[in-house]
Amino acid sequence: MTTYDYDAIVVGSGISGGWAAKELTEKGLKVLVLERGAPLEHGKDYKGEHVPPWKAPFRGKPERELYKQDYRVQSTSYAFGELNRDFWLNDRENPYDVNEDNLFLWMRGGRV
């Protein structure tokens, strides 16, 4: 079995993790970045990229019941839509605790 040595491990490549990895590598450290989520294959996984709205189901608008059940939080983003729904986590399958007194809507992609 091959082993690897790293100076630092960064968990998550979001804005903070990505910046931390950048700073550490620029200082000469050997960094491993761990990320969860499905891999994204360029081209193949962009299902709605070249689909005009008039050719999309519901013209790219949401299926309201599905969105209420599965994408209650994610569908509040201006960028969320039927043509890119696969790029967002399903809120029902991936729940997180919410403080109703100080509501924070966490937009999550779950893609690498």
PDB file of N, CA and C in Angstrom:
ATOM      1  N   MET A   1       0.838  -1.184   0.000  1.00  0.00           N
ATOM      2  CA  MET A   1       0.000   0.000   0.000  1.00  0.00           C
ATOM      3  C   MET A   1       0.883   1.247   0.000  1.00  0.00           C
ATOM      4  N   THR A   2       0.534   2.191  -0.813  1.00  0.00           N
ATOM      5  CA  THR A   2       1.268   3.448  -0.887  1.00  0.00           C
ATOM      6  C   THR A   2       0.793   4.383   0.219  1.00  0.00           C
ATOM      7  N   THR A   3       1.725   5.057   0.853  1.00  0.00           N
ATOM      8  CA  THR A   3       1.362   6.041   1.874  1.00  0.00           C
ATOM      9  C   THR A   3       1.792   7.420   1.411  1.00  0.00           C
ATOM     10  N   TYR A   4       1.084   8.415   1.897  1.00  0.00           N
ATOM     11  CA  TYR A   4       1.378   9.795   1.549  1.00  0.00           C
ATOM     12  C   TYR A   4       1.527  10.594   2.834  1.00  0.00           C
ATOM     13  N   ASP A   5       2.417  11.541   2.832  1.00  0.00           N
ATOM     14  CA  ASP A   5       2.603  12.429   3.974  1.00  0.00           C
ATOM     15  C   ASP A   5       2.156  13.830   3.586  1.00  0.00           C
ATOM     16  N   TYR A   6       1.366  14.450   4.451  1.00  0.00           N
ATOM     17  CA  TYR A   6       0.897  15.813   4.229  1.00  0.00           C
ATOM     18  C   TYR A   6       1.229  16.650   5.451  1.00  0.00           C
ATOM     19  N   ASP A   7       1.461  17.919   5.214  1.00  0.00           N
ATOM     20  CA  ASP A   7       1.699  18.853   6.309  1.00  0.00           C
ATOM     21  C   ASP A   7       0.387  19.344   6.913  1.00  0.00           C
ATOM     22  N   ALA A   8      -0.655  19.399   6.080  1.00  0.00           N
ATOM     23  CA  ALA A   8      -1.956  19.906   6.539  1.00  0.00           C
ATOM     24  C   ALA A   8      -3.071  19.209   5.775  1.00  0.00           C
ATOM     25  N   ILE A   9      -4.200  19.056   6.434  1.00  0.00           N
ATOM     26  CA  ILE A   9      -5.403  18.523   5.797  1.00  0.00           C
ATOM     27  C   ILE A   9      -6.495  19.570   5.961  1.00  0.00           C
ATOM     28  N   VAL A  10      -7.104  19.962   4.848  1.00  0.00           N
ATOM     29  CA  VAL A  10      -8.202  20.923   4.864  1.00  0.00           C
ATOM     30  C   VAL A  10      -9.476  20.157   4.529  1.00  0.00           C
ATOM     31  N   VAL A  11     -10.467  20.276   5.391  1.00  0.00           N
ATOM     32  CA  VAL A  11     -11.744  19.602   5.164  1.00  0.00           C
ATOM     33  C   VAL A  11     -12.722  20.614   4.586  1.00  0.00           C
ATOM     34  N   GLY A  12     -13.101  20.399   3.333  1.00  0.00           N
ATOM     35  CA  GLY A  12     -14.044  21.286   2.651  1.00  0.00           C
ATOM     36  C   GLY A  12     -13.336  22.322   1.801  1.00  0.00           C
ATOM     37  N   SER A  13     -13.795  22.461   0.571  1.00  0.00           N
ATOM     38  CA  SER A  13     -13.153  23.406  -0.343  1.00  0.00           C
ATOM     39  C   SER A  13     -14.049  24.598  -0.647  1.00  0.00           C
ATOM     40  N   GLY A  14     -14.914  24.929   0.297  1.00  0.00           N
ATOM     41  CA  GLY A  14     -15.731  26.130   0.139  1.00  0.00           C
ATOM     42  C   GLY A  14     -14.842  27.367   0.224  1.00  0.00           C
ATOM     43  N   ILE A  15     -15.433  28.514   0.429  1.00  0.00           N
ATOM     44  CA  ILE A  15     -14.661  29.757   0.418  1.00  0.00           C
ATOM     45  C   ILE A  15     -13.557  29.744   1.471  1.00  0.00           C
ATOM     46  N   SER A  16     -13.845  29.288   2.673  1.00  0.00           N
ATOM     47  CA  SER A  16     -12.820  29.277   3.728  1.00  0.00           C
ATOM     48  C   SER A  16     -11.794  28.177   3.516  1.00  0.00           C
ATOM     49  N   GLY A  17     -12.262  26.968   3.195  1.00  0.00           N
ATOM     50  CA  GLY A  17     -11.338  25.860   2.970  1.00  0.00           C
ATOM     51  C   GLY A  17     -10.454  26.088   1.762  1.00  0.00           C
ATOM     52  N   GLY A  18     -11.038  26.614   0.705  1.00  0.00           N
ATOM     53  CA  GLY A  18     -10.259  26.907  -0.496  1.00  0.00           C
ATOM     54  C   GLY A  18      -9.187  27.946  -0.230  1.00  0.00           C
ATOM     55  N   TRP A  19      -9.552  28.963   0.536  1.00  0.00           N
ATOM     56  CA  TRP A  19      -8.580  30.018   0.866  1.00  0.00           C
ATOM     57  C   TRP A  19      -7.484  29.478   1.778  1.00  0.00           C
ATOM     58  N   ALA A  20      -7.863  28.657   2.739  1.00  0.00           N
ATOM     59  CA  ALA A  20      -6.871  28.061   3.642  1.00  0.00           C
ATOM     60  C   ALA A  20      -5.889  27.204   2.852  1.00  0.00           C
ATOM     61  N   ALA A  21      -6.399  26.386   1.928  1.00  0.00           N
ATOM     62  CA  ALA A  21      -5.528  25.537   1.109  1.00  0.00           C
ATOM     63  C   ALA A  21      -4.587  26.385   0.261  1.00  0.00           C
ATOM     64  N   LYS A  22      -5.093  27.468  -0.298  1.00  0.00           N
ATOM     65  CA  LYS A  22      -4.267  28.382  -1.102  1.00  0.00           C
ATOM     66  C   LYS A  22      -3.138  28.968  -0.259  1.00  0.00           C
ATOM     67  N   GLU A  23      -3.490  29.488   0.904  1.00  0.00           N
ATOM     68  CA  GLU A  23      -2.489  30.113   1.773  1.00  0.00           C
ATOM     69  C   GLU A  23      -1.421  29.105   2.212  1.00  0.00           C
ATOM     70  N   LEU A  24      -1.847  27.913   2.585  1.00  0.00           N
ATOM     71  CA  LEU A  24      -0.895  26.896   3.056  1.00  0.00           C
ATOM     72  C   LEU A  24       0.033  26.428   1.939  1.00  0.00           C
ATOM     73  N   THR A  25      -0.518  26.206   0.749  1.00  0.00           N
ATOM     74  CA  THR A  25       0.343  25.755  -0.357  1.00  0.00           C
ATOM     75  C   THR A  25       1.301  26.858  -0.786  1.00  0.00           C
ATOM     76  N   GLU A  26       0.858  28.104  -0.740  1.00  0.00           N
ATOM     77  CA  GLU A  26       1.755  29.210  -1.092  1.00  0.00           C
ATOM     78  C   GLU A  26       2.904  29.342  -0.098  1.00  0.00           C
ATOM     79  N   LYS A  27       2.700  28.834   1.105  1.00  0.00           N
ATOM     80  CA  LYS A  27       3.773  28.860   2.110  1.00  0.00           C
ATOM     81  C   LYS A  27       4.646  27.613   2.018  1.00  0.00           C
ATOM     82  N   GLY A  28       4.367  26.759   1.033  1.00  0.00           N
ATOM     83  CA  GLY A  28       5.210  25.597   0.800  1.00  0.00           C
ATOM     84  C   GLY A  28       4.764  24.309   1.464  1.00  0.00           C
ATOM     85  N   LEU A  29       3.615  24.307   2.113  1.00  0.00           N
ATOM     86  CA  LEU A  29       3.136  23.087   2.758  1.00  0.00           C
ATOM     87  C   LEU A  29       2.501  22.151   1.738  1.00  0.00           C
ATOM     88  N   LYS A  30       2.601  20.868   2.015  1.00  0.00           N
ATOM     89  CA  LYS A  30       1.958  19.847   1.198  1.00  0.00           C
ATOM     90  C   LYS A  30       0.568  19.633   1.798  1.00  0.00           C
ATOM     91  N   VAL A  31      -0.486  19.983   1.032  1.00  0.00           N
ATOM     92  CA  VAL A  31      -1.845  20.055   1.563  1.00  0.00           C
ATOM     93  C   VAL A  31      -2.760  19.041   0.876  1.00  0.00           C
ATOM     94  N   LEU A  32      -3.565  18.363   1.666  1.00  0.00           N
ATOM     95  CA  LEU A  32      -4.610  17.479   1.163  1.00  0.00           C
ATOM     96  C   LEU A  32      -5.949  18.153   1.437  1.00  0.00           C
ATOM     97  N   VAL A  33      -6.789  18.292   0.400  1.00  0.00           N
ATOM     98  CA  VAL A  33      -8.125  18.858   0.563  1.00  0.00           C
ATOM     99  C   VAL A  33      -9.134  17.724   0.411  1.00  0.00           C
ATOM    100  N   LEU A  34      -9.962  17.533   1.436  1.00  0.00           N
ATOM    101  CA  LEU A  34     -11.014  16.516   1.405  1.00  0.00           C
ATOM    102  C   LEU A  34     -12.350  17.195   1.152  1.00  0.00           C
ATOM    103  N   GLU A  35     -13.131  16.606   0.282  1.00  0.00           N
ATOM    104  CA  GLU A  35     -14.431  17.173  -0.062  1.00  0.00           C
ATOM    105  C   GLU A  35     -15.448  16.056  -0.171  1.00  0.00           C
ATOM    106  N   ARG A  36     -16.653  16.326   0.246  1.00  0.00           N
ATOM    107  CA  ARG A  36     -17.720  15.343   0.070  1.00  0.00           C
ATOM    108  C   ARG A  36     -18.527  15.739  -1.166  1.00  0.00           C
ATOM    109  N   GLY A  37     -19.348  14.851  -1.590  1.00  0.00           N
ATOM    110  CA  GLY A  37     -20.220  15.160  -2.710  1.00  0.00           C
ATOM    111  C   GLY A  37     -19.869  14.367  -3.946  1.00  0.00           C
ATOM    112  N   ALA A  38     -20.789  14.393  -4.864  1.00  0.00           N
ATOM    113  CA  ALA A  38     -20.618  13.648  -6.106  1.00  0.00           C
ATOM    114  C   ALA A  38     -19.644  14.369  -7.028  1.00  0.00           C
ATOM    115  N   PRO A  39     -18.837  13.610  -7.756  1.00  0.00           N
ATOM    116  CA  PRO A  39     -17.949  14.251  -8.723  1.00  0.00           C
ATOM    117  C   PRO A  39     -18.761  14.830  -9.882  1.00  0.00           C
ATOM    118  N   LEU A  40     -18.232  15.840 -10.494  1.00  0.00           N
ATOM    119  CA  LEU A  40     -18.883  16.509 -11.611  1.00  0.00           C
ATOM    120  C   LEU A  40     -18.042  16.291 -12.856  1.00  0.00           C
ATOM    121  N   GLU A  41     -18.650  15.704 -13.878  1.00  0.00           N
ATOM    122  CA  GLU A  41     -17.922  15.492 -15.128  1.00  0.00           C
ATOM    123  C   GLU A  41     -18.250  16.631 -16.084  1.00  0.00           C
ATOM    124  N   HIS A  42     -17.217  17.366 -16.467  1.00  0.00           N
ATOM    125  CA  HIS A  42     -17.393  18.537 -17.327  1.00  0.00           C
ATOM    126  C   HIS A  42     -18.123  18.146 -18.612  1.00  0.00           C
ATOM    127  N   GLY A  43     -19.100  18.930 -18.990  1.00  0.00           N
ATOM    128  CA  GLY A  43     -19.863  18.675 -20.202  1.00  0.00           C
ATOM    129  C   GLY A  43     -21.028  17.733 -19.976  1.00  0.00           C
ATOM    130  N   LYS A  44     -20.757  16.504 -19.620  1.00  0.00           N
ATOM    131  CA  LYS A  44     -21.795  15.477 -19.469  1.00  0.00           C
ATOM    132  C   LYS A  44     -22.809  15.825 -18.380  1.00  0.00           C
ATOM    133  N   ASP A  45     -22.364  16.377 -17.279  1.00  0.00           N
ATOM    134  CA  ASP A  45     -23.252  16.633 -16.145  1.00  0.00           C
ATOM    135  C   ASP A  45     -23.965  17.986 -16.200  1.00  0.00           C
ATOM    136  N   TYR A  46     -23.737  18.766 -17.248  1.00  0.00           N
ATOM    137  CA  TYR A  46     -24.431  20.048 -17.399  1.00  0.00           C
ATOM    138  C   TYR A  46     -25.696  19.813 -18.219  1.00  0.00           C
ATOM    139  N   LYS A  47     -26.685  19.159 -17.609  1.00  0.00           N
ATOM    140  CA  LYS A  47     -27.875  18.721 -18.344  1.00  0.00           C
ATOM    141  C   LYS A  47     -28.692  19.872 -18.924  1.00  0.00           C
ATOM    142  N   GLY A  48     -28.755  20.982 -18.255  1.00  0.00           N
ATOM    143  CA  GLY A  48     -29.579  22.092 -18.725  1.00  0.00           C
ATOM    144  C   GLY A  48     -28.820  23.178 -19.443  1.00  0.00           C
ATOM    145  N   GLU A  49     -27.538  22.964 -19.697  1.00  0.00           N
ATOM    146  CA  GLU A  49     -26.699  24.038 -20.229  1.00  0.00           C
ATOM    147  C   GLU A  49     -27.177  24.585 -21.571  1.00  0.00           C
ATOM    148  N   HIS A  50     -27.529  23.724 -22.501  1.00  0.00           N
ATOM    149  CA  HIS A  50     -27.918  24.191 -23.833  1.00  0.00           C
ATOM    150  C   HIS A  50     -29.398  23.948 -24.116  1.00  0.00           C
ATOM    151  N   VAL A  51     -30.195  23.911 -23.054  1.00  0.00           N
ATOM    152  CA  VAL A  51     -31.629  23.695 -23.209  1.00  0.00           C
ATOM    153  C   VAL A  51     -32.340  25.034 -23.047  1.00  0.00           C
ATOM    154  N   PRO A  52     -32.964  25.529 -24.104  1.00  0.00           N
ATOM    155  CA  PRO A  52     -33.716  26.778 -23.948  1.00  0.00           C
ATOM    156  C   PRO A  52     -34.944  26.531 -23.065  1.00  0.00           C
ATOM    157  N   PRO A  53     -35.368  27.517 -22.305  1.00  0.00           N
ATOM    158  CA  PRO A  53     -36.484  27.327 -21.373  1.00  0.00           C
ATOM    159  C   PRO A  53     -37.741  26.756 -22.034  1.00  0.00           C
ATOM    160  N   TRP A  54     -38.023  27.129 -23.277  1.00  0.00           N
ATOM    161  CA  TRP A  54     -39.244  26.663 -23.926  1.00  0.00           C
ATOM    162  C   TRP A  54     -39.199  25.170 -24.271  1.00  0.00           C
ATOM    163  N   LYS A  55     -38.017  24.543 -24.177  1.00  0.00           N
ATOM    164  CA  LYS A  55     -37.914  23.105 -24.413  1.00  0.00           C
ATOM    165  C   LYS A  55     -37.801  22.319 -23.104  1.00  0.00           C
ATOM    166  N   ALA A  56     -37.748  23.005 -22.008  1.00  0.00           N
ATOM    167  CA  ALA A  56     -37.609  22.362 -20.696  1.00  0.00           C
ATOM    168  C   ALA A  56     -38.992  22.084 -20.104  1.00  0.00           C
ATOM    169  N   PRO A  57     -39.096  21.021 -19.293  1.00  0.00           N
ATOM    170  CA  PRO A  57     -40.371  20.788 -18.601  1.00  0.00           C
ATOM    171  C   PRO A  57     -40.749  22.015 -17.768  1.00  0.00           C
ATOM    172  N   PHE A  58     -41.992  22.402 -17.846  1.00  0.00           N
ATOM    173  CA  PHE A  58     -42.492  23.580 -17.116  1.00  0.00           C
ATOM    174  C   PHE A  58     -41.727  24.851 -17.490  1.00  0.00           C
ATOM    175  N   ARG A  59     -41.086  24.823 -18.662  1.00  0.00           N
ATOM    176  CA  ARG A  59     -40.285  25.968 -19.147  1.00  0.00           C
ATOM    177  C   ARG A  59     -39.215  26.383 -18.136  1.00  0.00           C
ATOM    178  N   GLY A  60     -38.683  25.387 -17.438  1.00  0.00           N
ATOM    179  CA  GLY A  60     -37.621  25.635 -16.472  1.00  0.00           C
ATOM    180  C   GLY A  60     -38.116  26.066 -15.102  1.00  0.00           C
ATOM    181  N   LYS A  61     -39.423  26.208 -14.967  1.00  0.00           N
ATOM    182  CA  LYS A  61     -39.997  26.605 -13.674  1.00  0.00           C
ATOM    183  C   LYS A  61     -40.135  25.377 -12.774  1.00  0.00           C
ATOM    184  N   PRO A  62     -40.289  25.590 -11.487  1.00  0.00           N
ATOM    185  CA  PRO A  62     -40.292  24.468 -10.547  1.00  0.00           C
ATOM    186  C   PRO A  62     -41.568  23.636 -10.569  1.00  0.00           C
ATOM    187  N   GLU A  63     -41.396  22.372 -10.188  1.00  0.00           N
ATOM    188  CA  GLU A  63     -42.540  21.541  -9.842  1.00  0.00           C
ATOM    189  C   GLU A  63     -42.811  21.868  -8.379  1.00  0.00           C
ATOM    190  N   ARG A  64     -43.826  22.632  -8.094  1.00  0.00           N
ATOM    191  CA  ARG A  64     -44.028  23.210  -6.758  1.00  0.00           C
ATOM    192  C   ARG A  64     -44.043  22.182  -5.632  1.00  0.00           C
ATOM    193  N   GLU A  65     -44.749  21.079  -5.812  1.00  0.00           N
ATOM    194  CA  GLU A  65     -44.830  20.081  -4.734  1.00  0.00           C
ATOM    195  C   GLU A  65     -43.470  19.449  -4.464  1.00  0.00           C
ATOM    196  N   LEU A  66     -42.739  19.131  -5.521  1.00  0.00           N
ATOM    197  CA  LEU A  66     -41.401  18.559  -5.361  1.00  0.00           C
ATOM    198  C   LEU A  66     -40.493  19.539  -4.629  1.00  0.00           C
ATOM    199  N   TYR A  67     -40.556  20.805  -5.007  1.00  0.00           N
ATOM    200  CA  TYR A  67     -39.708  21.807  -4.366  1.00  0.00           C
ATOM    201  C   TYR A  67     -40.064  21.972  -2.897  1.00  0.00           C
ATOM    202  N   LYS A  68     -41.349  21.966  -2.576  1.00  0.00           N
ATOM    203  CA  LYS A  68     -41.770  22.096  -1.177  1.00  0.00           C
ATOM    204  C   LYS A  68     -41.278  20.923  -0.339  1.00  0.00           C
ATOM    205  N   GLN A  69     -41.312  19.730  -0.908  1.00  0.00           N
ATOM    206  CA  GLN A  69     -40.915  18.530  -0.171  1.00  0.00           C
ATOM    207  C   GLN A  69     -39.403  18.361  -0.101  1.00  0.00           C
ATOM    208  N   ASP A  70     -38.722  18.547  -1.223  1.00  0.00           N
ATOM    209  CA  ASP A  70     -37.313  18.158  -1.326  1.00  0.00           C
ATOM    210  C   ASP A  70     -36.314  19.309  -1.384  1.00  0.00           C
ATOM    211  N   TYR A  71     -36.752  20.500  -1.758  1.00  0.00           N
ATOM    212  CA  TYR A  71     -35.810  21.610  -1.939  1.00  0.00           C
ATOM    213  C   TYR A  71     -36.337  22.886  -1.289  1.00  0.00           C
ATOM    214  N   ARG A  72     -36.910  22.736  -0.107  1.00  0.00           N
ATOM    215  CA  ARG A  72     -37.544  23.877   0.573  1.00  0.00           C
ATOM    216  C   ARG A  72     -36.584  25.046   0.756  1.00  0.00           C
ATOM    217  N   VAL A  73     -35.353  24.767   1.178  1.00  0.00           N
ATOM    218  CA  VAL A  73     -34.374  25.831   1.413  1.00  0.00           C
ATOM    219  C   VAL A  73     -33.632  26.179   0.124  1.00  0.00           C
ATOM    220  N   GLN A  74     -33.140  25.171  -0.572  1.00  0.00           N
ATOM    221  CA  GLN A  74     -32.320  25.414  -1.756  1.00  0.00           C
ATOM    222  C   GLN A  74     -33.071  26.210  -2.822  1.00  0.00           C
ATOM    223  N   SER A  75     -34.373  25.959  -2.947  1.00  0.00           N
ATOM    224  CA  SER A  75     -35.152  26.629  -3.990  1.00  0.00           C
ATOM    225  C   SER A  75     -35.367  28.111  -3.712  1.00  0.00           C
ATOM    226  N   THR A  76     -34.960  28.604  -2.541  1.00  0.00           N
ATOM    227  CA  THR A  76     -35.076  30.038  -2.266  1.00  0.00           C
ATOM    228  C   THR A  76     -33.945  30.837  -2.903  1.00  0.00           C
ATOM    229  N   SER A  77     -32.924  30.159  -3.401  1.00  0.00           N
ATOM    230  CA  SER A  77     -31.814  30.857  -4.057  1.00  0.00           C
ATOM    231  C   SER A  77     -32.238  31.341  -5.437  1.00  0.00           C
ATOM    232  N   TYR A  78     -31.809  32.532  -5.801  1.00  0.00           N
ATOM    233  CA  TYR A  78     -32.114  33.066  -7.124  1.00  0.00           C
ATOM    234  C   TYR A  78     -31.547  32.169  -8.230  1.00  0.00           C
ATOM    235  N   ALA A  79     -30.485  31.438  -7.939  1.00  0.00           N
ATOM    236  CA  ALA A  79     -29.805  30.638  -8.956  1.00  0.00           C
ATOM    237  C   ALA A  79     -30.395  29.239  -9.120  1.00  0.00           C
ATOM    238  N   PHE A  80     -31.264  28.832  -8.213  1.00  0.00           N
ATOM    239  CA  PHE A  80     -31.838  27.484  -8.255  1.00  0.00           C
ATOM    240  C   PHE A  80     -32.925  27.423  -9.314  1.00  0.00           C
ATOM    241  N   GLY A  81     -32.924  26.363 -10.101  1.00  0.00           N
ATOM    242  CA  GLY A  81     -33.969  26.187 -11.104  1.00  0.00           C
ATOM    243  C   GLY A  81     -34.045  24.748 -11.573  1.00  0.00           C
ATOM    244  N   GLU A  82     -35.037  24.485 -12.372  1.00  0.00           N
ATOM    245  CA  GLU A  82     -35.261  23.123 -12.845  1.00  0.00           C
ATOM    246  C   GLU A  82     -34.106  22.621 -13.706  1.00  0.00           C
ATOM    247  N   LEU A  83     -33.462  23.515 -14.440  1.00  0.00           N
ATOM    248  CA  LEU A  83     -32.383  23.099 -15.341  1.00  0.00           C
ATOM    249  C   LEU A  83     -31.061  22.857 -14.624  1.00  0.00           C
ATOM    250  N   ASN A  84     -30.955  23.254 -13.350  1.00  0.00           N
ATOM    251  CA  ASN A  84     -29.707  23.007 -12.603  1.00  0.00           C
ATOM    252  C   ASN A  84     -29.964  22.360 -11.237  1.00  0.00           C
ATOM    253  N   ARG A  85     -31.145  21.790 -11.066  1.00  0.00           N
ATOM    254  CA  ARG A  85     -31.530  21.198  -9.780  1.00  0.00           C
ATOM    255  C   ARG A  85     -30.543  20.133  -9.313  1.00  0.00           C
ATOM    256  N   ASP A  86     -29.929  19.403 -10.236  1.00  0.00           N
ATOM    257  CA  ASP A  86     -28.989  18.335  -9.862  1.00  0.00           C
ATOM    258  C   ASP A  86     -27.721  18.857  -9.186  1.00  0.00           C
ATOM    259  N   PHE A  87     -27.476  20.151  -9.272  1.00  0.00           N
ATOM    260  CA  PHE A  87     -26.287  20.730  -8.646  1.00  0.00           C
ATOM    261  C   PHE A  87     -26.522  21.117  -7.188  1.00  0.00           C
ATOM    262  N   TRP A  88     -27.716  20.912  -6.676  1.00  0.00           N
ATOM    263  CA  TRP A  88     -28.076  21.309  -5.322  1.00  0.00           C
ATOM    264  C   TRP A  88     -28.419  20.082  -4.492  1.00  0.00           C
ATOM    265  N   LEU A  89     -28.130  20.145  -3.187  1.00  0.00           N
ATOM    266  CA  LEU A  89     -28.492  19.043  -2.296  1.00  0.00           C
ATOM    267  C   LEU A  89     -29.994  19.026  -2.046  1.00  0.00           C
ATOM    268  N   ASN A  90     -30.515  17.841  -1.910  1.00  0.00           N
ATOM    269  CA  ASN A  90     -31.909  17.632  -1.574  1.00  0.00           C
ATOM    270  C   ASN A  90     -32.056  17.866  -0.063  1.00  0.00           C
ATOM    271  N   ASP A  91     -32.860  18.857   0.318  1.00  0.00           N
ATOM    272  CA  ASP A  91     -33.006  19.216   1.737  1.00  0.00           C
ATOM    273  C   ASP A  91     -33.610  18.088   2.568  1.00  0.00           C
ATOM    274  N   ARG A  92     -34.505  17.302   1.994  1.00  0.00           N
ATOM    275  CA  ARG A  92     -35.124  16.208   2.735  1.00  0.00           C
ATOM    276  C   ARG A  92     -34.114  15.095   2.990  1.00  0.00           C
ATOM    277  N   GLU A  93     -33.285  14.778   1.996  1.00  0.00           N
ATOM    278  CA  GLU A  93     -32.291  13.716   2.145  1.00  0.00           C
ATOM    279  C   GLU A  93     -31.067  14.170   2.938  1.00  0.00           C
ATOM    280  N   ASN A  94     -30.828  15.477   3.003  1.00  0.00           N
ATOM    281  CA  ASN A  94     -29.654  16.037   3.681  1.00  0.00           C
ATOM    282  C   ASN A  94     -30.089  17.146   4.632  1.00  0.00           C
ATOM    283  N   PRO A  95     -30.834  16.816   5.690  1.00  0.00           N
ATOM    284  CA  PRO A  95     -31.350  17.849   6.589  1.00  0.00           C
ATOM    285  C   PRO A  95     -30.260  18.455   7.475  1.00  0.00           C
ATOM    286  N   TYR A  96     -30.529  19.639   7.965  1.00  0.00           N
ATOM    287  CA  TYR A  96     -29.680  20.248   8.983  1.00  0.00           C
ATOM    288  C   TYR A  96     -30.566  21.011   9.952  1.00  0.00           C
ATOM    289  N   ASP A  97     -30.098  21.141  11.182  1.00  0.00           N
ATOM    290  CA  ASP A  97     -30.876  21.815  12.217  1.00  0.00           C
ATOM    291  C   ASP A  97     -30.912  23.309  11.963  1.00  0.00           C
ATOM    292  N   VAL A  98     -32.067  23.883  12.217  1.00  0.00           N
ATOM    293  CA  VAL A  98     -32.265  25.309  11.988  1.00  0.00           C
ATOM    294  C   VAL A  98     -32.750  25.956  13.274  1.00  0.00           C
ATOM    295  N   ASN A  99     -32.142  27.064  13.637  1.00  0.00           N
ATOM    296  CA  ASN A  99     -32.603  27.869  14.764  1.00  0.00           C
ATOM    297  C   ASN A  99     -33.663  28.820  14.218  1.00  0.00           C
ATOM    298  N   GLU A 100     -34.911  28.538  14.502  1.00  0.00           N
ATOM    299  CA  GLU A 100     -36.014  29.327  13.945  1.00  0.00           C
ATOM    300  C   GLU A 100     -35.970  30.789  14.398  1.00  0.00           C
ATOM    301  N   ASP A 101     -35.338  31.069  15.548  1.00  0.00           N
ATOM    302  CA  ASP A 101     -35.248  32.444  16.037  1.00  0.00           C
ATOM    303  C   ASP A 101     -34.221  33.262  15.262  1.00  0.00           C
ATOM    304  N   ASN A 102     -33.251  32.583  14.683  1.00  0.00           N
ATOM    305  CA  ASN A 102     -32.190  33.258  13.932  1.00  0.00           C
ATOM    306  C   ASN A 102     -31.944  32.448  12.656  1.00  0.00           C
ATOM    307  N   LEU A 103     -32.910  32.476  11.769  1.00  0.00           N
ATOM    308  CA  LEU A 103     -32.922  31.620  10.591  1.00  0.00           C
ATOM    309  C   LEU A 103     -31.761  31.919   9.643  1.00  0.00           C
ATOM    310  N   PHE A 104     -31.072  30.877   9.259  1.00  0.00           N
ATOM    311  CA  PHE A 104     -30.000  30.974   8.269  1.00  0.00           C
ATOM    312  C   PHE A 104     -30.282  29.936   7.201  1.00  0.00           C
ATOM    313  N   LEU A 105     -30.427  30.364   5.970  1.00  0.00           N
ATOM    314  CA  LEU A 105     -30.699  29.446   4.868  1.00  0.00           C
ATOM    315  C   LEU A 105     -29.380  29.078   4.205  1.00  0.00           C
ATOM    316  N   TRP A 106     -28.966  27.860   4.406  1.00  0.00           N
ATOM    317  CA  TRP A 106     -27.672  27.381   3.954  1.00  0.00           C
ATOM    318  C   TRP A 106     -27.813  26.779   2.564  1.00  0.00           C
ATOM    319  N   MET A 107     -27.233  27.419   1.562  1.00  0.00           N
ATOM    320  CA  MET A 107     -27.266  26.918   0.191  1.00  0.00           C
ATOM    321  C   MET A 107     -26.146  25.898   0.029  1.00  0.00           C
ATOM    322  N   ARG A 108     -26.492  24.686  -0.398  1.00  0.00           N
ATOM    323  CA  ARG A 108     -25.508  23.606  -0.439  1.00  0.00           C
ATOM    324  C   ARG A 108     -25.538  22.910  -1.793  1.00  0.00           C
ATOM    325  N   GLY A 109     -24.365  22.812  -2.374  1.00  0.00           N
ATOM    326  CA  GLY A 109     -24.263  22.179  -3.678  1.00  0.00           C
ATOM    327  C   GLY A 109     -23.934  20.708  -3.623  1.00  0.00           C
ATOM    328  N   GLY A 110     -23.052  20.312  -2.745  1.00  0.00           N
ATOM    329  CA  GLY A 110     -22.693  18.911  -2.635  1.00  0.00           C
ATOM    330  C   GLY A 110     -22.027  18.356  -3.877  1.00  0.00           C
ATOM    331  N   ARG A 111     -21.310  19.175  -4.608  1.00  0.00           N
ATOM    332  CA  ARG A 111     -20.594  18.748  -5.811  1.00  0.00           C
ATOM    333  C   ARG A 111     -19.131  19.076  -5.664  1.00  0.00           C
ATOM    334  N   VAL A 112     -18.309  18.285  -6.335  1.00  0.00           N
ATOM    335  CA  VAL A 112     -16.865  18.507  -6.282  1.00  0.00           C
ATOM    336  C   VAL A 112     -16.424  19.081  -7.607  1.00  0.00           C
TER     337      VAL A 112
END
